[in-house]
Amino acid sequence: MDIKKLYENAKNKANSFMVNGQISAYVNALKEMNQYKKMLVVVAAN
């Protein structure tokens, strides 16, 4: 699966968790987004 698509999916999950007030799940989704963002930077640097 494409890293960009995984990042966008995690971003959408984070937004929905934030709207629903699920703080713990929101933070976990932000961590997941950060992980994918780091991967995108590494791929772009190569």
N, C-alpha and C. Protein backbone atom coordinates (compact mmCIF):
# COMPACT_ATOMS: atom_id res chain seq x y z
N MET A 1 0.85 -1.19 0.00
CA MET A 1 0.00 0.00 0.00
C MET A 1 0.89 1.25 0.00
N ASP A 2 0.44 2.26 -0.63
CA ASP A 2 1.17 3.50 -0.77
C ASP A 2 1.29 4.21 0.59
N ILE A 3 2.47 4.71 0.92
CA ILE A 3 2.70 5.39 2.19
C ILE A 3 1.84 6.64 2.30
N LYS A 4 1.70 7.37 1.21
CA LYS A 4 0.89 8.59 1.21
C LYS A 4 -0.56 8.26 1.56
N LYS A 5 -1.06 7.15 1.01
CA LYS A 5 -2.44 6.74 1.29
C LYS A 5 -2.59 6.34 2.77
N LEU A 6 -1.58 5.65 3.31
CA LEU A 6 -1.62 5.28 4.72
C LEU A 6 -1.60 6.52 5.62
N TYR A 7 -0.80 7.52 5.22
CA TYR A 7 -0.75 8.77 5.98
C TYR A 7 -2.10 9.47 5.96
N GLU A 8 -2.71 9.56 4.79
CA GLU A 8 -4.02 10.22 4.68
C GLU A 8 -5.08 9.47 5.48
N ASN A 9 -5.02 8.16 5.47
CA ASN A 9 -5.96 7.35 6.24
C ASN A 9 -5.81 7.62 7.73
N ALA A 10 -4.57 7.67 8.22
CA ALA A 10 -4.32 7.97 9.63
C ALA A 10 -4.78 9.38 9.98
N LYS A 11 -4.62 10.30 9.05
CA LYS A 11 -5.05 11.69 9.26
C LYS A 11 -6.58 11.75 9.40
N ASN A 12 -7.27 11.04 8.54
CA ASN A 12 -8.73 11.00 8.62
C ASN A 12 -9.21 10.37 9.92
N LYS A 13 -8.52 9.29 10.34
CA LYS A 13 -8.88 8.66 11.61
C LYS A 13 -8.67 9.63 12.77
N ALA A 14 -7.55 10.36 12.75
CA ALA A 14 -7.26 11.31 13.81
C ALA A 14 -8.34 12.38 13.88
N ASN A 15 -8.75 12.88 12.73
CA ASN A 15 -9.81 13.91 12.71
C ASN A 15 -11.12 13.37 13.28
N SER A 16 -11.48 12.16 12.91
CA SER A 16 -12.73 11.60 13.42
C SER A 16 -12.66 11.35 14.92
N PHE A 17 -11.50 10.90 15.41
CA PHE A 17 -11.34 10.69 16.86
C PHE A 17 -11.42 12.01 17.61
N MET A 18 -10.84 13.07 17.04
CA MET A 18 -10.87 14.38 17.67
C MET A 18 -12.31 14.88 17.77
N VAL A 19 -13.07 14.72 16.69
CA VAL A 19 -14.47 15.17 16.67
C VAL A 19 -15.28 14.40 17.71
N ASN A 20 -15.00 13.11 17.86
CA ASN A 20 -15.75 12.27 18.79
C ASN A 20 -15.26 12.39 20.23
N GLY A 21 -14.17 13.12 20.46
CA GLY A 21 -13.66 13.31 21.81
C GLY A 21 -12.88 12.13 22.35
N GLN A 22 -12.40 11.27 21.50
CA GLN A 22 -11.63 10.10 21.92
C GLN A 22 -10.15 10.49 21.95
N ILE A 23 -9.73 11.07 23.05
CA ILE A 23 -8.40 11.67 23.14
C ILE A 23 -7.29 10.62 23.00
N SER A 24 -7.42 9.51 23.67
CA SER A 24 -6.38 8.48 23.62
C SER A 24 -6.20 7.95 22.19
N ALA A 25 -7.30 7.66 21.53
CA ALA A 25 -7.24 7.17 20.15
C ALA A 25 -6.70 8.25 19.22
N TYR A 26 -7.05 9.51 19.50
CA TYR A 26 -6.57 10.64 18.70
C TYR A 26 -5.05 10.74 18.79
N VAL A 27 -4.51 10.64 20.00
CA VAL A 27 -3.06 10.71 20.18
C VAL A 27 -2.37 9.55 19.47
N ASN A 28 -2.95 8.37 19.56
CA ASN A 28 -2.36 7.21 18.88
C ASN A 28 -2.37 7.41 17.36
N ALA A 29 -3.43 7.99 16.84
CA ALA A 29 -3.51 8.25 15.40
C ALA A 29 -2.47 9.30 15.00
N LEU A 30 -2.24 10.30 15.87
CA LEU A 30 -1.21 11.30 15.58
C LEU A 30 0.17 10.66 15.55
N LYS A 31 0.42 9.72 16.45
CA LYS A 31 1.70 9.01 16.45
C LYS A 31 1.87 8.21 15.16
N GLU A 32 0.79 7.59 14.72
CA GLU A 32 0.81 6.82 13.47
C GLU A 32 1.09 7.75 12.29
N MET A 33 0.46 8.92 12.28
CA MET A 33 0.70 9.92 11.23
C MET A 33 2.17 10.33 11.21
N ASN A 34 2.72 10.57 12.39
CA ASN A 34 4.12 10.98 12.49
C ASN A 34 5.05 9.91 11.93
N GLN A 35 4.73 8.65 12.22
CA GLN A 35 5.54 7.53 11.71
C GLN A 35 5.52 7.52 10.18
N TYR A 36 4.33 7.67 9.58
CA TYR A 36 4.23 7.66 8.13
C TYR A 36 4.89 8.89 7.52
N LYS A 37 4.79 10.04 8.21
CA LYS A 37 5.41 11.25 7.70
C LYS A 37 6.94 11.10 7.65
N LYS A 38 7.50 10.46 8.69
CA LYS A 38 8.95 10.20 8.69
C LYS A 38 9.33 9.30 7.51
N MET A 39 8.50 8.30 7.23
CA MET A 39 8.77 7.40 6.09
C MET A 39 8.72 8.17 4.78
N LEU A 40 7.75 9.08 4.65
CA LEU A 40 7.65 9.89 3.43
C LEU A 40 8.88 10.76 3.24
N VAL A 41 9.40 11.32 4.31
CA VAL A 41 10.61 12.15 4.23
C VAL A 41 11.80 11.32 3.78
N VAL A 42 11.92 10.12 4.34
CA VAL A 42 13.05 9.24 3.97
C VAL A 42 12.96 8.85 2.51
N VAL A 43 11.76 8.51 2.05
CA VAL A 43 11.57 8.11 0.66
C VAL A 43 11.86 9.30 -0.27
N ALA A 44 11.42 10.48 0.12
CA ALA A 44 11.65 11.67 -0.71
C ALA A 44 13.13 12.05 -0.75
N ALA A 45 13.85 11.75 0.32
CA ALA A 45 15.27 12.12 0.36
C ALA A 45 16.13 11.21 -0.52
N ASN A 46 15.61 10.03 -0.81
CA ASN A 46 16.39 9.07 -1.64
C ASN A 46 16.15 9.21 -3.10
